[in-house]
Amino acid sequence: MYATELTIGDHAYLLRAGTDERGVLDELTAAVRAGGGVVELPAGAPNSPRSVLISPGVPVFIERIPIPDDPPTPDDDAGEDACAEWVL
């Protein structure tokens, strides 16, 4: 299972499960080709933005983020400290 994150410029939006990624990409592409436009996003949460203004030159990324089947446990972090060898 995975979550889909859409990053437009400096802002990241989590898209709800089952979002038609190809459809969103097609709408974003059409807006850029038209010189800019507002694209309605299938929001991940009720209070998150649903409309974005897209224009040429704005970086857009769609990323699939894996979601583990089992939630993490406190023991998952027991072990080596990933930052232990960093010298500050």
Protein backbone atom coordinates (compact mmCIF):
# COMPACT_ATOMS: atom_id res chain seq x y z
CA MET A 1 0.00 0.00 0.00
CA TYR A 2 1.19 3.55 -0.62
CA ALA A 3 0.20 7.18 -0.21
CA THR A 4 0.45 9.62 -3.10
CA GLU A 5 2.06 12.99 -2.47
CA LEU A 6 1.82 15.79 -5.03
CA THR A 7 4.42 18.54 -4.67
CA ILE A 8 3.83 21.81 -6.52
CA GLY A 9 6.59 24.33 -6.02
CA ASP A 10 7.29 24.31 -2.27
CA HIS A 11 3.91 22.91 -1.22
CA ALA A 12 3.11 19.22 -0.75
CA TYR A 13 -0.41 17.81 -0.95
CA LEU A 14 -1.41 14.32 0.12
CA LEU A 15 -3.89 12.87 -2.35
CA ARG A 16 -6.59 10.56 -1.08
CA ALA A 17 -6.36 6.82 -1.60
CA GLY A 18 -7.56 5.66 -5.00
CA THR A 19 -6.79 8.97 -6.73
CA ASP A 20 -6.47 8.67 -10.50
CA GLU A 21 -2.83 9.76 -10.72
CA ARG A 22 -2.85 9.73 -14.53
CA GLY A 23 -5.94 11.97 -14.54
CA VAL A 24 -4.31 14.48 -12.17
CA LEU A 25 -1.14 14.48 -14.29
CA ASP A 26 -3.19 15.03 -17.46
CA GLU A 27 -4.99 18.02 -15.89
CA LEU A 28 -1.70 19.53 -14.70
CA THR A 29 -0.15 19.05 -18.14
CA ALA A 30 -3.15 20.65 -19.86
CA ALA A 31 -2.93 23.68 -17.53
CA VAL A 32 0.77 24.16 -18.32
CA ARG A 33 0.19 23.81 -22.07
CA ALA A 34 -2.57 26.42 -21.86
CA GLY A 35 -0.13 28.87 -20.27
CA GLY A 36 -1.54 28.34 -16.77
CA GLY A 37 -4.78 27.42 -15.09
CA VAL A 38 -6.52 26.27 -11.93
CA VAL A 39 -6.60 22.53 -11.31
CA GLU A 40 -8.98 20.90 -8.85
CA LEU A 41 -7.23 18.32 -6.68
CA PRO A 42 -8.82 15.31 -5.00
CA ALA A 43 -7.80 16.35 -1.47
CA GLY A 44 -6.52 13.91 1.13
CA ALA A 45 -8.34 15.65 4.00
CA PRO A 46 -11.50 17.77 4.24
CA ASN A 47 -9.64 20.98 5.18
CA SER A 48 -6.76 20.71 2.72
CA PRO A 49 -6.58 22.89 -0.40
CA ARG A 50 -8.52 21.55 -3.35
CA SER A 51 -7.58 24.04 -6.07
CA VAL A 52 -4.10 25.00 -7.24
CA LEU A 53 -2.90 27.50 -9.83
CA ILE A 54 -0.48 25.82 -12.22
CA SER A 55 1.76 27.77 -14.58
CA PRO A 56 4.74 26.97 -16.79
CA GLY A 57 8.02 26.81 -14.88
CA VAL A 58 6.52 25.55 -11.62
CA PRO A 59 8.09 22.22 -10.59
CA VAL A 60 5.53 19.45 -10.03
CA PHE A 61 6.29 16.02 -8.58
CA ILE A 62 4.08 13.02 -7.89
CA GLU A 63 5.61 10.58 -5.43
CA ARG A 64 4.36 7.26 -4.13
CA ILE A 65 5.28 6.80 -0.48
CA PRO A 66 5.18 3.18 0.75
CA ILE A 67 3.05 2.56 3.83
CA PRO A 68 4.13 -0.49 5.85
CA ASP A 69 1.46 -3.10 6.49
CA ASP A 70 2.39 -3.23 10.18
CA PRO A 71 2.55 -0.04 12.26
CA PRO A 72 5.99 0.73 13.73
CA THR A 73 6.69 -0.47 17.25
CA PRO A 74 8.92 1.17 19.88
CA ASP A 75 11.53 -1.57 19.27
CA ASP A 76 11.88 -0.55 15.60
CA ASP A 77 14.17 2.32 16.65
CA ALA A 78 16.24 0.24 19.06
CA GLY A 79 19.70 -0.20 17.65
CA GLU A 80 22.29 2.06 16.12
CA ASP A 81 21.79 5.78 16.18
CA ALA A 82 21.96 6.86 12.53
CA CYS A 83 23.47 10.20 13.56
CA ALA A 84 25.96 8.83 16.13
CA GLU A 85 28.96 9.24 13.84
CA TRP A 86 28.14 12.82 12.87
CA VAL A 87 30.56 15.32 14.36
CA LEU A 88 29.00 18.67 15.15
